[in-house]
Amino acid sequence: MRPILKLYRGYANEQELIVMGHVFKPTRKKDYDFQKKSFKNATSVINMFRIKTQSNADVYLEHNDVKIHTKTLKDGYFKFCVPLDQFTSYGWIDYKVSIVHKNESFVTKESYVRPNKGNLGIISDIDDTFLVSHSLNPFKKLYILLFRNVNKRKVFEDVVPHYQALSSAGRNCNEGENAFFYVSSSEWNLYRFIIKFTEIHQLPKAVLLLKDIKTSLTDFFLTGRGNHNHKFEKIKHVLEFYPNLQYVLLGDDSQDDPILYEAICKIFPVTVKAVYIRQTGKFKKGKTEIVLKNLETLNVAVCYFKHSSEAIAHSKSIGII
């Protein structure tokens, strides 16, 4: 058996390319099977959190006819941040990364996005923002993750047309899509699950920025919980990486999205155009309403909505879509 190389979607601006992934130790466990039902699905999900990473593994990025070498970190994660040729094209572009095992090279392909200069960047949370997850009820959330395979998981009504409209807003057919990022407190373990879900429901192709990988059963029962500061840092990084875009931030009121987005708006006072917060309970939360009213004083358009049809109407009213 040989080590397992997993690549994630990368991203680039005018000067730099960033791609990343993990290297895992050899295993006989099969990858997550999207078709499995009930207990078999639960076994597959749990196995995603029992995989073992390989530290200090040699990894090679093939870019501009040059092979760039790095090694994985302690948790098996690697990240290439390399200068980008100014003549590189735009849109989604394939890249290749390889590992060597017993003098044999194994290559894996993924893609990175280099968006055309435009006017919008969209950053969205995942759980209870577009994927129905029941974050307010941790036991129900865990039950659904275990016993509902990806084909049975639900998306909120009208969220897909809203996201598709945001993706193409202000773009001509030959200009590609706006830069789209899904930033979540879910761990890298769930990457393939999230990608498959977005493909099934025809959500915009996006870069995922997730939480550090977990490798134990104990970690599994805490998935998506705990400190959300990593989301703040990831969002802050995106806004710094693409400083000339105007941003739309989408989240929900089940956790800390309103507070995180308020902090982002304060640090980037001319960058965030609109903030959308989904109402997850029967009633709107007073703390969230206070945050959004404060954002309006910073000239940020806000929408606290129960149904995505309300968000679509708001986006049209302020001229985003």
C-alpha atoms as a PDB file:
ATOM      1  CA  MET A   1       0.000   0.000   0.000  1.00  0.00           C
ATOM      2  CA  ARG A   2       1.066   3.564  -0.623  1.00  0.00           C
ATOM      3  CA  PRO A   3       0.274   6.893   1.069  1.00  0.00           C
ATOM      4  CA  ILE A   4      -2.916   8.683   0.028  1.00  0.00           C
ATOM      5  CA  LEU A   5      -2.719  12.155  -1.522  1.00  0.00           C
ATOM      6  CA  LYS A   6      -5.790  14.413  -1.267  1.00  0.00           C
ATOM      7  CA  LEU A   7      -5.864  17.768  -3.055  1.00  0.00           C
ATOM      8  CA  TYR A   8      -8.221  20.684  -2.496  1.00  0.00           C
ATOM      9  CA  ARG A   9      -9.311  23.486  -4.769  1.00  0.00           C
ATOM     10  CA  GLY A  10      -6.797  26.321  -4.796  1.00  0.00           C
ATOM     11  CA  TYR A  11      -6.942  30.006  -5.669  1.00  0.00           C
ATOM     12  CA  ALA A  12      -4.779  32.702  -7.211  1.00  0.00           C
ATOM     13  CA  ASN A  13      -4.623  36.467  -7.651  1.00  0.00           C
ATOM     14  CA  GLU A  14      -2.383  38.524  -9.938  1.00  0.00           C
ATOM     15  CA  GLN A  15       0.825  37.615  -8.097  1.00  0.00           C
ATOM     16  CA  GLU A  16       0.408  34.385  -6.126  1.00  0.00           C
ATOM     17  CA  LEU A  17      -0.937  30.853  -6.369  1.00  0.00           C
ATOM     18  CA  ILE A  18      -2.097  28.935  -3.287  1.00  0.00           C
ATOM     19  CA  VAL A  19      -2.866  25.205  -3.399  1.00  0.00           C
ATOM     20  CA  MET A  20      -3.138  22.740  -0.531  1.00  0.00           C
ATOM     21  CA  GLY A  21      -3.937  19.191   0.514  1.00  0.00           C
ATOM     22  CA  HIS A  22      -3.186  16.326   2.874  1.00  0.00           C
ATOM     23  CA  VAL A  23      -1.087  13.180   2.783  1.00  0.00           C
ATOM     24  CA  PHE A  24      -2.468  10.198   4.702  1.00  0.00           C
ATOM     25  CA  LYS A  25      -0.844   6.977   5.805  1.00  0.00           C
ATOM     26  CA  PRO A  26      -1.737   3.846   3.826  1.00  0.00           C
ATOM     27  CA  THR A  27      -5.067   2.311   4.851  1.00  0.00           C
ATOM     28  CA  ARG A  28      -7.378  -0.488   3.824  1.00  0.00           C
ATOM     29  CA  LYS A  29     -10.433   1.586   4.740  1.00  0.00           C
ATOM     30  CA  LYS A  30     -12.445   2.578   1.684  1.00  0.00           C
ATOM     31  CA  ASP A  31     -13.166   6.202   0.859  1.00  0.00           C
ATOM     32  CA  TYR A  32     -16.548   7.626   1.838  1.00  0.00           C
ATOM     33  CA  ASP A  33     -19.224   5.949  -0.278  1.00  0.00           C
ATOM     34  CA  PHE A  34     -21.905   8.476  -1.183  1.00  0.00           C
ATOM     35  CA  GLN A  35     -24.491   5.758  -1.871  1.00  0.00           C
ATOM     36  CA  LYS A  36     -24.391   3.937   1.452  1.00  0.00           C
ATOM     37  CA  LYS A  37     -27.438   3.906   3.689  1.00  0.00           C
ATOM     38  CA  SER A  38     -28.124   4.027   7.438  1.00  0.00           C
ATOM     39  CA  PHE A  39     -25.492   2.202   9.486  1.00  0.00           C
ATOM     40  CA  LYS A  40     -23.174   1.676   6.513  1.00  0.00           C
ATOM     41  CA  ASN A  41     -23.195   5.425   5.943  1.00  0.00           C
ATOM     42  CA  ALA A  42     -22.462   5.985   9.633  1.00  0.00           C
ATOM     43  CA  THR A  43     -19.478   3.652   9.415  1.00  0.00           C
ATOM     44  CA  SER A  44     -18.152   5.520   6.368  1.00  0.00           C
ATOM     45  CA  VAL A  45     -18.533   8.899   8.092  1.00  0.00           C
ATOM     46  CA  ILE A  46     -16.797   7.719  11.261  1.00  0.00           C
ATOM     47  CA  ASN A  47     -13.952   6.260   9.214  1.00  0.00           C
ATOM     48  CA  MET A  48     -13.358   9.710   7.704  1.00  0.00           C
ATOM     49  CA  PHE A  49     -12.399  10.845  11.209  1.00  0.00           C
ATOM     50  CA  ARG A  50     -10.164   7.864  11.958  1.00  0.00           C
ATOM     51  CA  ILE A  51      -7.774   8.309   9.051  1.00  0.00           C
ATOM     52  CA  LYS A  52      -4.134   8.864   9.988  1.00  0.00           C
ATOM     53  CA  THR A  53      -2.065  11.670   8.514  1.00  0.00           C
ATOM     54  CA  GLN A  54       1.559  11.422   7.418  1.00  0.00           C
ATOM     55  CA  SER A  55       3.927  14.132   8.606  1.00  0.00           C
ATOM     56  CA  ASN A  56       7.062  15.295   6.786  1.00  0.00           C
ATOM     57  CA  ALA A  57       6.043  13.553   3.549  1.00  0.00           C
ATOM     58  CA  ASP A  58       7.676  14.802   0.338  1.00  0.00           C
ATOM     59  CA  VAL A  59       5.207  16.590  -1.936  1.00  0.00           C
ATOM     60  CA  TYR A  60       5.849  18.071  -5.390  1.00  0.00           C
ATOM     61  CA  LEU A  61       3.869  20.744  -7.237  1.00  0.00           C
ATOM     62  CA  GLU A  62       4.273  20.875 -11.017  1.00  0.00           C
ATOM     63  CA  HIS A  63       3.884  24.505 -12.078  1.00  0.00           C
ATOM     64  CA  ASN A  64       5.151  26.335 -15.170  1.00  0.00           C
ATOM     65  CA  ASP A  65       7.285  23.318 -16.130  1.00  0.00           C
ATOM     66  CA  VAL A  66       9.024  23.465 -12.733  1.00  0.00           C
ATOM     67  CA  LYS A  67       8.696  20.872  -9.962  1.00  0.00           C
ATOM     68  CA  ILE A  68       8.475  22.601  -6.571  1.00  0.00           C
ATOM     69  CA  HIS A  69       9.205  20.538  -3.459  1.00  0.00           C
ATOM     70  CA  THR A  70       7.822  20.842   0.059  1.00  0.00           C
ATOM     71  CA  LYS A  71       6.992  18.558   2.992  1.00  0.00           C
ATOM     72  CA  THR A  72       3.816  18.032   4.974  1.00  0.00           C
ATOM     73  CA  LEU A  73       3.297  19.544   8.414  1.00  0.00           C
ATOM     74  CA  LYS A  74       2.736  17.504  11.572  1.00  0.00           C
ATOM     75  CA  ASP A  75      -0.934  16.909  10.691  1.00  0.00           C
ATOM     76  CA  GLY A  76      -0.159  15.798   7.131  1.00  0.00           C
ATOM     77  CA  TYR A  77      -1.269  19.154   5.695  1.00  0.00           C
ATOM     78  CA  PHE A  78       0.708  20.914   2.988  1.00  0.00           C
ATOM     79  CA  LYS A  79       0.317  24.264   1.322  1.00  0.00           C
ATOM     80  CA  PHE A  80       2.164  25.781  -1.629  1.00  0.00           C
ATOM     81  CA  CYS A  81       2.270  29.584  -1.826  1.00  0.00           C
ATOM     82  CA  VAL A  82       4.227  30.374  -4.983  1.00  0.00           C
ATOM     83  CA  PRO A  83       4.696  33.392  -7.293  1.00  0.00           C
ATOM     84  CA  LEU A  84       2.357  33.339 -10.271  1.00  0.00           C
ATOM     85  CA  ASP A  85       3.256  34.116 -13.862  1.00  0.00           C
ATOM     86  CA  GLN A  86       1.474  37.307 -14.895  1.00  0.00           C
ATOM     87  CA  PHE A  87       0.470  35.692 -18.184  1.00  0.00           C
ATOM     88  CA  THR A  88      -1.460  32.898 -16.480  1.00  0.00           C
ATOM     89  CA  SER A  89      -5.026  32.648 -17.776  1.00  0.00           C
ATOM     90  CA  TYR A  90      -8.204  33.223 -15.760  1.00  0.00           C
ATOM     91  CA  GLY A  91     -10.996  30.964 -14.571  1.00  0.00           C
ATOM     92  CA  TRP A  92     -10.568  27.428 -13.233  1.00  0.00           C
ATOM     93  CA  ILE A  93      -7.141  25.993 -14.077  1.00  0.00           C
ATOM     94  CA  ASP A  94      -5.853  22.457 -13.471  1.00  0.00           C
ATOM     95  CA  TYR A  95      -2.780  21.803 -11.366  1.00  0.00           C
ATOM     96  CA  LYS A  96      -0.850  18.637 -10.488  1.00  0.00           C
ATOM     97  CA  VAL A  97       0.769  17.478  -7.265  1.00  0.00           C
ATOM     98  CA  SER A  98       2.713  14.252  -6.768  1.00  0.00           C
ATOM     99  CA  ILE A  99       4.194  12.117  -4.025  1.00  0.00           C
ATOM    100  CA  VAL A 100       6.883   9.471  -4.342  1.00  0.00           C
ATOM    101  CA  HIS A 101       6.583   6.007  -2.814  1.00  0.00           C
ATOM    102  CA  LYS A 102       9.192   3.302  -3.308  1.00  0.00           C
ATOM    103  CA  ASN A 103      10.767   5.245  -6.190  1.00  0.00           C
ATOM    104  CA  GLU A 104       7.417   5.506  -7.975  1.00  0.00           C
ATOM    105  CA  SER A 105       5.666   8.850  -8.496  1.00  0.00           C
ATOM    106  CA  PHE A 106       1.908   9.143  -7.960  1.00  0.00           C
ATOM    107  CA  VAL A 107       0.203  12.205  -9.449  1.00  0.00           C
ATOM    108  CA  THR A 108      -3.152  13.748  -8.484  1.00  0.00           C
ATOM    109  CA  LYS A 109      -4.930  16.603 -10.274  1.00  0.00           C
ATOM    110  CA  GLU A 110      -7.156  19.372  -8.954  1.00  0.00           C
ATOM    111  CA  SER A 111      -7.994  22.908 -10.024  1.00  0.00           C
ATOM    112  CA  TYR A 112      -7.512  26.432  -8.752  1.00  0.00           C
ATOM    113  CA  VAL A 113      -9.444  29.574  -9.579  1.00  0.00           C
ATOM    114  CA  ARG A 114      -7.982  32.828 -10.810  1.00  0.00           C
ATOM    115  CA  PRO A 115     -11.011  35.091 -11.210  1.00  0.00           C
ATOM    116  CA  ASN A 116     -11.203  37.794 -13.819  1.00  0.00           C
ATOM    117  CA  LYS A 117     -11.106  41.259 -12.365  1.00  0.00           C
ATOM    118  CA  GLY A 118     -14.689  41.917 -11.340  1.00  0.00           C
ATOM    119  CA  ASN A 119     -16.754  43.555  -8.710  1.00  0.00           C
ATOM    120  CA  LEU A 120     -17.910  40.752  -6.434  1.00  0.00           C
ATOM    121  CA  GLY A 121     -16.476  38.113  -4.143  1.00  0.00           C
ATOM    122  CA  ILE A 122     -18.914  35.865  -2.280  1.00  0.00           C
ATOM    123  CA  ILE A 123     -18.103  34.156   1.014  1.00  0.00           C
ATOM    124  CA  SER A 124     -20.635  31.752   2.492  1.00  0.00           C
ATOM    125  CA  ASP A 125     -20.863  29.605   5.590  1.00  0.00           C
ATOM    126  CA  ILE A 126     -22.105  26.038   4.988  1.00  0.00           C
ATOM    127  CA  ASP A 127     -24.057  24.492   7.890  1.00  0.00           C
ATOM    128  CA  ASP A 128     -27.535  26.028   8.191  1.00  0.00           C
ATOM    129  CA  THR A 129     -26.623  28.688   5.636  1.00  0.00           C
ATOM    130  CA  PHE A 130     -27.233  26.535   2.559  1.00  0.00           C
ATOM    131  CA  LEU A 131     -26.959  22.966   3.958  1.00  0.00           C
ATOM    132  CA  VAL A 132     -29.747  22.066   6.405  1.00  0.00           C
ATOM    133  CA  SER A 133     -27.741  20.851   9.416  1.00  0.00           C
ATOM    134  CA  HIS A 134     -29.740  21.638  12.594  1.00  0.00           C
ATOM    135  CA  SER A 135     -26.742  23.179  14.376  1.00  0.00           C
ATOM    136  CA  LEU A 136     -29.015  24.375  17.197  1.00  0.00           C
ATOM    137  CA  ASN A 137     -29.610  20.719  18.089  1.00  0.00           C
ATOM    138  CA  PRO A 138     -26.182  18.988  18.265  1.00  0.00           C
ATOM    139  CA  PHE A 139     -27.708  15.509  18.681  1.00  0.00           C
ATOM    140  CA  LYS A 140     -29.957  15.904  15.652  1.00  0.00           C
ATOM    141  CA  LYS A 141     -27.070  17.330  13.641  1.00  0.00           C
ATOM    142  CA  LEU A 142     -24.920  14.322  14.501  1.00  0.00           C
ATOM    143  CA  TYR A 143     -27.739  11.871  13.752  1.00  0.00           C
ATOM    144  CA  ILE A 144     -28.308  13.355  10.285  1.00  0.00           C
ATOM    145  CA  LEU A 145     -24.587  13.367   9.513  1.00  0.00           C
ATOM    146  CA  LEU A 146     -24.382   9.686  10.431  1.00  0.00           C
ATOM    147  CA  PHE A 147     -27.586   8.269   9.004  1.00  0.00           C
ATOM    148  CA  ARG A 148     -28.397  10.476   5.989  1.00  0.00           C
ATOM    149  CA  ASN A 149     -26.066  10.026   3.044  1.00  0.00           C
ATOM    150  CA  VAL A 150     -25.205  12.970   0.846  1.00  0.00           C
ATOM    151  CA  ASN A 151     -28.047  12.262  -1.578  1.00  0.00           C
ATOM    152  CA  LYS A 152     -30.616  12.631   1.206  1.00  0.00           C
ATOM    153  CA  ARG A 153     -29.244  15.821   2.721  1.00  0.00           C
ATOM    154  CA  LYS A 154     -31.294  18.918   2.026  1.00  0.00           C
ATOM    155  CA  VAL A 155     -30.582  22.423   0.784  1.00  0.00           C
ATOM    156  CA  PHE A 156     -32.748  25.378   1.809  1.00  0.00           C
ATOM    157  CA  GLU A 157     -35.456  26.340  -0.649  1.00  0.00           C
ATOM    158  CA  ASP A 158     -34.423  29.031  -3.168  1.00  0.00           C
ATOM    159  CA  VAL A 159     -30.834  29.144  -1.907  1.00  0.00           C
ATOM    160  CA  VAL A 160     -29.538  27.679  -5.187  1.00  0.00           C
ATOM    161  CA  PRO A 161     -31.009  30.372  -7.505  1.00  0.00           C
ATOM    162  CA  HIS A 162     -29.746  33.046  -5.102  1.00  0.00           C
ATOM    163  CA  TYR A 163     -26.201  31.662  -5.103  1.00  0.00           C
ATOM    164  CA  GLN A 164     -26.223  31.126  -8.864  1.00  0.00           C
ATOM    165  CA  ALA A 165     -27.341  34.728  -9.395  1.00  0.00           C
ATOM    166  CA  LEU A 166     -24.582  36.004  -7.083  1.00  0.00           C
ATOM    167  CA  SER A 167     -22.034  33.862  -8.919  1.00  0.00           C
ATOM    168  CA  SER A 168     -22.852  35.422 -12.294  1.00  0.00           C
ATOM    169  CA  ALA A 169     -23.703  38.954 -11.093  1.00  0.00           C
ATOM    170  CA  GLY A 170     -22.028  41.648 -13.187  1.00  0.00           C
ATOM    171  CA  ARG A 171     -20.355  39.094 -15.447  1.00  0.00           C
ATOM    172  CA  ASN A 172     -20.586  38.580 -19.170  1.00  0.00           C
ATOM    173  CA  CYS A 173     -20.774  35.018 -20.473  1.00  0.00           C
ATOM    174  CA  ASN A 174     -17.085  35.027 -21.446  1.00  0.00           C
ATOM    175  CA  GLU A 175     -15.853  36.404 -18.122  1.00  0.00           C
ATOM    176  CA  GLY A 176     -16.503  33.335 -15.985  1.00  0.00           C
ATOM    177  CA  GLU A 177     -17.959  33.487 -12.502  1.00  0.00           C
ATOM    178  CA  ASN A 178     -17.351  35.651  -9.461  1.00  0.00           C
ATOM    179  CA  ALA A 179     -14.930  34.354  -6.845  1.00  0.00           C
ATOM    180  CA  PHE A 180     -16.889  32.078  -4.489  1.00  0.00           C
ATOM    181  CA  PHE A 181     -15.641  30.713  -1.134  1.00  0.00           C
ATOM    182  CA  TYR A 182     -17.277  28.321   1.323  1.00  0.00           C
ATOM    183  CA  VAL A 183     -15.755  28.927   4.761  1.00  0.00           C
ATOM    184  CA  SER A 184     -16.866  26.651   7.564  1.00  0.00           C
ATOM    185  CA  SER A 185     -16.096  25.206  10.994  1.00  0.00           C
ATOM    186  CA  SER A 186     -16.468  21.769   9.430  1.00  0.00           C
ATOM    187  CA  GLU A 187     -13.159  19.932   9.203  1.00  0.00           C
ATOM    188  CA  TRP A 188     -11.193  18.901   6.111  1.00  0.00           C
ATOM    189  CA  ASN A 189     -12.459  15.371   6.792  1.00  0.00           C
ATOM    190  CA  LEU A 190     -15.795  16.404   5.258  1.00  0.00           C
ATOM    191  CA  TYR A 191     -14.308  18.007   2.128  1.00  0.00           C
ATOM    192  CA  ARG A 192     -15.444  15.344  -0.360  1.00  0.00           C
ATOM    193  CA  PHE A 193     -18.908  15.232   1.227  1.00  0.00           C
ATOM    194  CA  ILE A 194     -19.341  19.009   0.867  1.00  0.00           C
ATOM    195  CA  ILE A 195     -18.033  19.047  -2.719  1.00  0.00           C
ATOM    196  CA  LYS A 196     -20.422  16.253  -3.686  1.00  0.00           C
ATOM    197  CA  PHE A 197     -23.358  18.007  -2.024  1.00  0.00           C
ATOM    198  CA  THR A 198     -22.711  21.278  -3.848  1.00  0.00           C
ATOM    199  CA  GLU A 199     -22.408  19.422  -7.153  1.00  0.00           C
ATOM    200  CA  ILE A 200     -25.672  17.532  -6.624  1.00  0.00           C
ATOM    201  CA  HIS A 201     -27.550  20.779  -5.985  1.00  0.00           C
ATOM    202  CA  GLN A 202     -25.707  22.796  -8.656  1.00  0.00           C
ATOM    203  CA  LEU A 203     -24.360  25.330  -6.205  1.00  0.00           C
ATOM    204  CA  PRO A 204     -21.516  27.503  -7.564  1.00  0.00           C
ATOM    205  CA  LYS A 205     -18.101  25.885  -7.803  1.00  0.00           C
ATOM    206  CA  ALA A 206     -16.097  27.344  -4.945  1.00  0.00           C
ATOM    207  CA  VAL A 207     -12.904  27.153  -2.961  1.00  0.00           C
ATOM    208  CA  LEU A 208     -13.421  25.500   0.440  1.00  0.00           C
ATOM    209  CA  LEU A 209     -11.579  26.753   3.506  1.00  0.00           C
ATOM    210  CA  LEU A 210     -12.209  24.376   6.391  1.00  0.00           C
ATOM    211  CA  LYS A 211     -10.989  23.642   9.896  1.00  0.00           C
ATOM    212  CA  ASP A 212      -7.900  21.563  10.787  1.00  0.00           C
ATOM    213  CA  ILE A 213      -8.336  17.868  10.101  1.00  0.00           C
ATOM    214  CA  LYS A 214      -9.430  15.514  12.894  1.00  0.00           C
ATOM    215  CA  THR A 215      -8.072  12.000  13.345  1.00  0.00           C
ATOM    216  CA  SER A 216      -9.919  10.432  16.268  1.00  0.00           C
ATOM    217  CA  LEU A 217     -13.399   9.259  17.192  1.00  0.00           C
ATOM    218  CA  THR A 218     -13.528  11.766  20.059  1.00  0.00           C
ATOM    219  CA  ASP A 219     -12.937  14.595  17.575  1.00  0.00           C
ATOM    220  CA  PHE A 220     -15.794  13.301  15.427  1.00  0.00           C
ATOM    221  CA  PHE A 221     -18.380  13.863  18.157  1.00  0.00           C
ATOM    222  CA  LEU A 222     -17.223  17.494  18.393  1.00  0.00           C
ATOM    223  CA  THR A 223     -17.261  18.124  14.631  1.00  0.00           C
ATOM    224  CA  GLY A 224     -18.180  21.668  13.642  1.00  0.00           C
ATOM    225  CA  ARG A 225     -18.102  22.883  17.235  1.00  0.00           C
ATOM    226  CA  GLY A 226     -15.654  24.782  19.390  1.00  0.00           C
ATOM    227  CA  ASN A 227     -13.786  27.984  18.587  1.00  0.00           C
ATOM    228  CA  HIS A 228     -14.721  29.726  15.332  1.00  0.00           C
ATOM    229  CA  ASN A 229     -11.735  32.087  15.194  1.00  0.00           C
ATOM    230  CA  HIS A 230     -10.345  30.119  12.258  1.00  0.00           C
ATOM    231  CA  LYS A 231     -13.332  31.312  10.177  1.00  0.00           C
ATOM    232  CA  PHE A 232     -12.486  34.911  10.983  1.00  0.00           C
ATOM    233  CA  GLU A 233      -8.848  34.387   9.975  1.00  0.00           C
ATOM    234  CA  LYS A 234      -9.819  32.607   6.740  1.00  0.00           C
ATOM    235  CA  ILE A 235     -12.281  35.335   5.732  1.00  0.00           C
ATOM    236  CA  LYS A 236      -9.794  38.055   6.630  1.00  0.00           C
ATOM    237  CA  HIS A 237      -7.192  36.297   4.466  1.00  0.00           C
ATOM    238  CA  VAL A 238      -9.534  36.162   1.450  1.00  0.00           C
ATOM    239  CA  LEU A 239     -10.330  39.883   1.687  1.00  0.00           C
ATOM    240  CA  GLU A 240      -6.620  40.678   1.936  1.00  0.00           C
ATOM    241  CA  PHE A 241      -5.822  38.351  -0.973  1.00  0.00           C
ATOM    242  CA  TYR A 242      -8.391  40.006  -3.263  1.00  0.00           C
ATOM    243  CA  PRO A 243      -8.422  43.620  -1.999  1.00  0.00           C
ATOM    244  CA  ASN A 244     -10.125  45.100  -5.053  1.00  0.00           C
ATOM    245  CA  LEU A 245     -13.344  43.102  -4.819  1.00  0.00           C
ATOM    246  CA  GLN A 246     -16.595  44.078  -3.136  1.00  0.00           C
ATOM    247  CA  TYR A 247     -17.843  41.259  -0.917  1.00  0.00           C
ATOM    248  CA  VAL A 248     -21.120  39.623  -0.028  1.00  0.00           C
ATOM    249  CA  LEU A 249     -21.031  37.594   3.206  1.00  0.00           C
ATOM    250  CA  LEU A 250     -23.648  34.905   3.864  1.00  0.00           C
ATOM    251  CA  GLY A 251     -24.173  33.107   7.163  1.00  0.00           C
ATOM    252  CA  ASP A 252     -26.744  32.184   9.802  1.00  0.00           C
ATOM    253  CA  ASP A 253     -27.626  33.014  13.387  1.00  0.00           C
ATOM    254  CA  SER A 254     -27.045  29.539  14.878  1.00  0.00           C
ATOM    255  CA  GLN A 255     -23.484  30.305  15.958  1.00  0.00           C
ATOM    256  CA  ASP A 256     -21.112  33.271  15.637  1.00  0.00           C
ATOM    257  CA  ASP A 257     -21.479  34.391  12.014  1.00  0.00           C
ATOM    258  CA  PRO A 258     -23.053  37.806  12.805  1.00  0.00           C
ATOM    259  CA  ILE A 259     -20.272  38.682  15.277  1.00  0.00           C
ATOM    260  CA  LEU A 260     -17.534  37.454  12.933  1.00  0.00           C
ATOM    261  CA  TYR A 261     -18.962  39.385  10.007  1.00  0.00           C
ATOM    262  CA  GLU A 262     -19.297  42.536  12.119  1.00  0.00           C
ATOM    263  CA  ALA A 263     -15.588  42.342  12.978  1.00  0.00           C
ATOM    264  CA  ILE A 264     -14.704  41.840   9.290  1.00  0.00           C
ATOM    265  CA  CYS A 265     -16.774  44.869   8.275  1.00  0.00           C
ATOM    266  CA  LYS A 266     -15.041  47.012  10.885  1.00  0.00           C
ATOM    267  CA  ILE A 267     -11.589  46.021   9.613  1.00  0.00           C
ATOM    268  CA  PHE A 268     -12.549  46.382   5.929  1.00  0.00           C
ATOM    269  CA  PRO A 269     -14.885  49.418   5.997  1.00  0.00           C
ATOM    270  CA  VAL A 270     -15.014  49.927   2.219  1.00  0.00           C
ATOM    271  CA  THR A 271     -14.901  46.293   1.119  1.00  0.00           C
ATOM    272  CA  VAL A 272     -18.060  44.532   2.344  1.00  0.00           C
ATOM    273  CA  LYS A 273     -21.148  45.437   0.332  1.00  0.00           C
ATOM    274  CA  ALA A 274     -23.778  43.242   1.976  1.00  0.00           C
ATOM    275  CA  VAL A 275     -24.282  40.740   4.813  1.00  0.00           C
ATOM    276  CA  TYR A 276     -26.981  38.053   4.732  1.00  0.00           C
ATOM    277  CA  ILE A 277     -27.928  36.130   7.885  1.00  0.00           C
ATOM    278  CA  ARG A 278     -30.361  33.215   7.827  1.00  0.00           C
ATOM    279  CA  GLN A 279     -32.792  32.936  10.749  1.00  0.00           C
ATOM    280  CA  THR A 280     -32.543  29.349  12.010  1.00  0.00           C
ATOM    281  CA  GLY A 281     -35.068  29.407  14.868  1.00  0.00           C
ATOM    282  CA  LYS A 282     -38.723  30.379  15.161  1.00  0.00           C
ATOM    283  CA  PHE A 283     -37.836  33.904  16.190  1.00  0.00           C
ATOM    284  CA  LYS A 284     -35.177  36.418  15.264  1.00  0.00           C
ATOM    285  CA  LYS A 285     -32.387  36.827  17.786  1.00  0.00           C
ATOM    286  CA  GLY A 286     -32.085  40.195  19.481  1.00  0.00           C
ATOM    287  CA  LYS A 287     -28.283  40.057  19.537  1.00  0.00           C
ATOM    288  CA  THR A 288     -28.181  39.420  15.802  1.00  0.00           C
ATOM    289  CA  GLU A 289     -30.556  42.323  15.124  1.00  0.00           C
ATOM    290  CA  ILE A 290     -28.326  44.642  17.153  1.00  0.00           C
ATOM    291  CA  VAL A 291     -25.253  43.568  15.181  1.00  0.00           C
ATOM    292  CA  LEU A 292     -26.975  44.077  11.837  1.00  0.00           C
ATOM    293  CA  LYS A 293     -28.267  47.515  12.813  1.00  0.00           C
ATOM    294  CA  ASN A 294     -24.721  48.462  13.721  1.00  0.00           C
ATOM    295  CA  LEU A 295     -23.516  47.244  10.306  1.00  0.00           C
ATOM    296  CA  GLU A 296     -26.035  49.530   8.613  1.00  0.00           C
ATOM    297  CA  THR A 297     -24.291  52.503  10.264  1.00  0.00           C
ATOM    298  CA  LEU A 298     -21.135  51.347   8.417  1.00  0.00           C
ATOM    299  CA  ASN A 299     -23.019  51.582   5.116  1.00  0.00           C
ATOM    300  CA  VAL A 300     -23.298  47.803   4.780  1.00  0.00           C
ATOM    301  CA  ALA A 301     -26.568  46.468   3.359  1.00  0.00           C
ATOM    302  CA  VAL A 302     -28.018  43.784   5.637  1.00  0.00           C
ATOM    303  CA  CYS A 303     -30.732  41.164   5.324  1.00  0.00           C
ATOM    304  CA  TYR A 304     -31.928  38.977   8.209  1.00  0.00           C
ATOM    305  CA  PHE A 305     -34.139  36.434   6.488  1.00  0.00           C
ATOM    306  CA  LYS A 306     -36.067  33.237   7.138  1.00  0.00           C
ATOM    307  CA  HIS A 307     -36.515  32.235   3.488  1.00  0.00           C
ATOM    308  CA  SER A 308     -34.017  32.664   0.652  1.00  0.00           C
ATOM    309  CA  SER A 309     -36.722  34.293  -1.468  1.00  0.00           C
ATOM    310  CA  GLU A 310     -36.413  37.281   0.883  1.00  0.00           C
ATOM    311  CA  ALA A 311     -32.641  37.352   0.309  1.00  0.00           C
ATOM    312  CA  ILE A 312     -33.149  37.242  -3.463  1.00  0.00           C
ATOM    313  CA  ALA A 313     -35.579  40.172  -3.309  1.00  0.00           C
ATOM    314  CA  HIS A 314     -33.118  42.134  -1.171  1.00  0.00           C
ATOM    315  CA  SER A 315     -30.210  41.450  -3.549  1.00  0.00           C
ATOM    316  CA  LYS A 316     -32.332  42.730  -6.428  1.00  0.00           C
ATOM    317  CA  SER A 317     -33.409  45.810  -4.467  1.00  0.00           C
ATOM    318  CA  ILE A 318     -29.802  46.922  -3.839  1.00  0.00           C
ATOM    319  CA  GLY A 319     -28.667  46.090  -7.378  1.00  0.00           C
ATOM    320  CA  ILE A 320     -26.360  43.145  -6.626  1.00  0.00           C
ATOM    321  CA  ILE A 321     -28.269  40.796  -8.923  1.00  0.00           C
END
